[in-house]
Amino acid sequence: MVLRVYFDGETVPSVRVPLGPMFGIFHDIGDKYVV
């Protein structure tokens, strides 16, 4: 149950859920493009 909260099928924790969609976008960009 807890894993589903922090991992929604991605390699990075889905912290964008509690923090907001913008953080998720930046997090994905930083993970893929290594900004």
PDB file of N, CA and C in Angstrom:
ATOM      1  N   MET A   1       0.830  -1.202   0.000  1.00  0.00           N
ATOM      2  CA  MET A   1       0.000   0.000   0.000  1.00  0.00           C
ATOM      3  C   MET A   1       0.873   1.264   0.000  1.00  0.00           C
ATOM      4  N   VAL A   2       1.872   1.241   0.864  1.00  0.00           N
ATOM      5  CA  VAL A   2       2.756   2.404   0.995  1.00  0.00           C
ATOM      6  C   VAL A   2       3.566   2.621  -0.277  1.00  0.00           C
ATOM      7  N   LEU A   3       3.981   1.513  -0.894  1.00  0.00           N
ATOM      8  CA  LEU A   3       4.779   1.602  -2.109  1.00  0.00           C
ATOM      9  C   LEU A   3       4.002   2.277  -3.232  1.00  0.00           C
ATOM     10  N   ARG A   4       2.680   2.031  -3.244  1.00  0.00           N
ATOM     11  CA  ARG A   4       1.843   2.639  -4.280  1.00  0.00           C
ATOM     12  C   ARG A   4       1.751   4.151  -4.084  1.00  0.00           C
ATOM     13  N   VAL A   5       1.878   4.566  -2.840  1.00  0.00           N
ATOM     14  CA  VAL A   5       1.793   5.996  -2.546  1.00  0.00           C
ATOM     15  C   VAL A   5       3.045   6.723  -3.025  1.00  0.00           C
ATOM     16  N   TYR A   6       4.187   6.093  -2.823  1.00  0.00           N
ATOM     17  CA  TYR A   6       5.441   6.734  -3.175  1.00  0.00           C
ATOM     18  C   TYR A   6       5.950   6.344  -4.561  1.00  0.00           C
ATOM     19  N   PHE A   7       5.435   5.235  -5.091  1.00  0.00           N
ATOM     20  CA  PHE A   7       5.860   4.804  -6.418  1.00  0.00           C
ATOM     21  C   PHE A   7       4.649   4.449  -7.273  1.00  0.00           C
ATOM     22  N   ASP A   8       4.279   5.336  -8.194  1.00  0.00           N
ATOM     23  CA  ASP A   8       3.121   5.063  -9.041  1.00  0.00           C
ATOM     24  C   ASP A   8       3.576   4.523 -10.395  1.00  0.00           C
ATOM     25  N   GLY A   9       4.464   3.510 -10.363  1.00  0.00           N
ATOM     26  CA  GLY A   9       4.909   2.881 -11.597  1.00  0.00           C
ATOM     27  C   GLY A   9       6.101   3.585 -12.219  1.00  0.00           C
ATOM     28  N   GLU A  10       6.716   4.531 -11.494  1.00  0.00           N
ATOM     29  CA  GLU A  10       7.863   5.240 -12.040  1.00  0.00           C
ATOM     30  C   GLU A  10       9.118   4.894 -11.250  1.00  0.00           C
ATOM     31  N   THR A  11      10.275   5.255 -11.806  1.00  0.00           N
ATOM     32  CA  THR A  11      11.540   4.948 -11.148  1.00  0.00           C
ATOM     33  C   THR A  11      11.828   5.942 -10.029  1.00  0.00           C
ATOM     34  N   VAL A  12      11.087   7.040 -10.021  1.00  0.00           N
ATOM     35  CA  VAL A  12      11.280   8.056  -8.987  1.00  0.00           C
ATOM     36  C   VAL A  12      10.045   8.142  -8.114  1.00  0.00           C
ATOM     37  N   PRO A  13      10.212   8.483  -6.823  1.00  0.00           N
ATOM     38  CA  PRO A  13       9.079   8.612  -5.915  1.00  0.00           C
ATOM     39  C   PRO A  13       8.089   9.651  -6.422  1.00  0.00           C
ATOM     40  N   SER A  14       6.816   9.331  -6.358  1.00  0.00           N
ATOM     41  CA  SER A  14       5.792  10.256  -6.848  1.00  0.00           C
ATOM     42  C   SER A  14       5.472  11.301  -5.783  1.00  0.00           C
ATOM     43  N   VAL A  15       6.498  12.084  -5.419  1.00  0.00           N
ATOM     44  CA  VAL A  15       6.325  13.114  -4.398  1.00  0.00           C
ATOM     45  C   VAL A  15       5.516  14.279  -4.953  1.00  0.00           C
ATOM     46  N   ARG A  16       5.232  14.232  -6.242  1.00  0.00           N
ATOM     47  CA  ARG A  16       4.470  15.297  -6.887  1.00  0.00           C
ATOM     48  C   ARG A  16       3.013  15.271  -6.439  1.00  0.00           C
ATOM     49  N   VAL A  17       2.590  14.154  -5.877  1.00  0.00           N
ATOM     50  CA  VAL A  17       1.204  14.024  -5.424  1.00  0.00           C
ATOM     51  C   VAL A  17       0.916  14.945  -4.234  1.00  0.00           C
ATOM     52  N   PRO A  18       1.744  14.903  -3.167  1.00  0.00           N
ATOM     53  CA  PRO A  18       1.506  15.769  -2.021  1.00  0.00           C
ATOM     54  C   PRO A  18       2.036  17.196  -2.217  1.00  0.00           C
ATOM     55  N   LEU A  19       3.084  17.349  -3.012  1.00  0.00           N
ATOM     56  CA  LEU A  19       3.710  18.661  -3.174  1.00  0.00           C
ATOM     57  C   LEU A  19       3.102  19.458  -4.321  1.00  0.00           C
ATOM     58  N   GLY A  20       2.471  18.761  -5.274  1.00  0.00           N
ATOM     59  CA  GLY A  20       1.862  19.463  -6.398  1.00  0.00           C
ATOM     60  C   GLY A  20       2.400  18.967  -7.727  1.00  0.00           C
ATOM     61  N   PRO A  21       1.720  19.282  -8.830  1.00  0.00           N
ATOM     62  CA  PRO A  21       2.088  18.820 -10.164  1.00  0.00           C
ATOM     63  C   PRO A  21       3.367  19.476 -10.688  1.00  0.00           C
ATOM     64  N   MET A  22       3.605  20.719 -10.300  1.00  0.00           N
ATOM     65  CA  MET A  22       4.788  21.428 -10.789  1.00  0.00           C
ATOM     66  C   MET A  22       6.067  20.745 -10.334  1.00  0.00           C
ATOM     67  N   PHE A  23       6.096  20.333  -9.071  1.00  0.00           N
ATOM     68  CA  PHE A  23       7.282  19.663  -8.535  1.00  0.00           C
ATOM     69  C   PHE A  23       7.542  18.361  -9.274  1.00  0.00           C
ATOM     70  N   GLY A  24       6.457  17.686  -9.632  1.00  0.00           N
ATOM     71  CA  GLY A  24       6.583  16.426 -10.365  1.00  0.00           C
ATOM     72  C   GLY A  24       7.213  16.650 -11.727  1.00  0.00           C
ATOM     73  N   ILE A  25       6.819  17.743 -12.384  1.00  0.00           N
ATOM     74  CA  ILE A  25       7.357  18.063 -13.707  1.00  0.00           C
ATOM     75  C   ILE A  25       8.852  18.339 -13.618  1.00  0.00           C
ATOM     76  N   PHE A  26       9.235  19.179 -12.675  1.00  0.00           N
ATOM     77  CA  PHE A  26      10.647  19.511 -12.503  1.00  0.00           C
ATOM     78  C   PHE A  26      11.445  18.280 -12.093  1.00  0.00           C
ATOM     79  N   HIS A  27      10.807  17.414 -11.306  1.00  0.00           N
ATOM     80  CA  HIS A  27      11.477  16.211 -10.830  1.00  0.00           C
ATOM     81  C   HIS A  27      11.738  15.268 -11.991  1.00  0.00           C
ATOM     82  N   ASP A  28      10.759  15.155 -12.894  1.00  0.00           N
ATOM     83  CA  ASP A  28      10.913  14.295 -14.066  1.00  0.00           C
ATOM     84  C   ASP A  28      11.989  14.848 -14.991  1.00  0.00           C
ATOM     85  N   ILE A  29      11.987  16.175 -15.176  1.00  0.00           N
ATOM     86  CA  ILE A  29      12.982  16.821 -16.034  1.00  0.00           C
ATOM     87  C   ILE A  29      14.384  16.599 -15.474  1.00  0.00           C
ATOM     88  N   GLY A  30      14.525  16.769 -14.170  1.00  0.00           N
ATOM     89  CA  GLY A  30      15.824  16.599 -13.528  1.00  0.00           C
ATOM     90  C   GLY A  30      16.293  15.155 -13.587  1.00  0.00           C
ATOM     91  N   ASP A  31      15.334  14.221 -13.590  1.00  0.00           N
ATOM     92  CA  ASP A  31      15.685  12.807 -13.610  1.00  0.00           C
ATOM     93  C   ASP A  31      16.047  12.349 -15.015  1.00  0.00           C
ATOM     94  N   LYS A  32      15.353  12.862 -16.014  1.00  0.00           N
ATOM     95  CA  LYS A  32      15.575  12.424 -17.392  1.00  0.00           C
ATOM     96  C   LYS A  32      16.713  13.194 -18.058  1.00  0.00           C
ATOM     97  N   TYR A  33      16.715  14.519 -17.854  1.00  0.00           N
ATOM     98  CA  TYR A  33      17.713  15.349 -18.515  1.00  0.00           C
ATOM     99  C   TYR A  33      18.884  15.708 -17.608  1.00  0.00           C
ATOM    100  N   VAL A  34      18.774  15.311 -16.341  1.00  0.00           N
ATOM    101  CA  VAL A  34      19.827  15.587 -15.357  1.00  0.00           C
ATOM    102  C   VAL A  34      20.204  17.062 -15.378  1.00  0.00           C
ATOM    103  N   VAL A  35      19.238  17.914 -15.027  1.00  0.00           N
ATOM    104  CA  VAL A  35      19.491  19.353 -15.040  1.00  0.00           C
ATOM    105  C   VAL A  35      20.396  19.726 -13.865  1.00  0.00           C
TER     106      VAL A  35
END
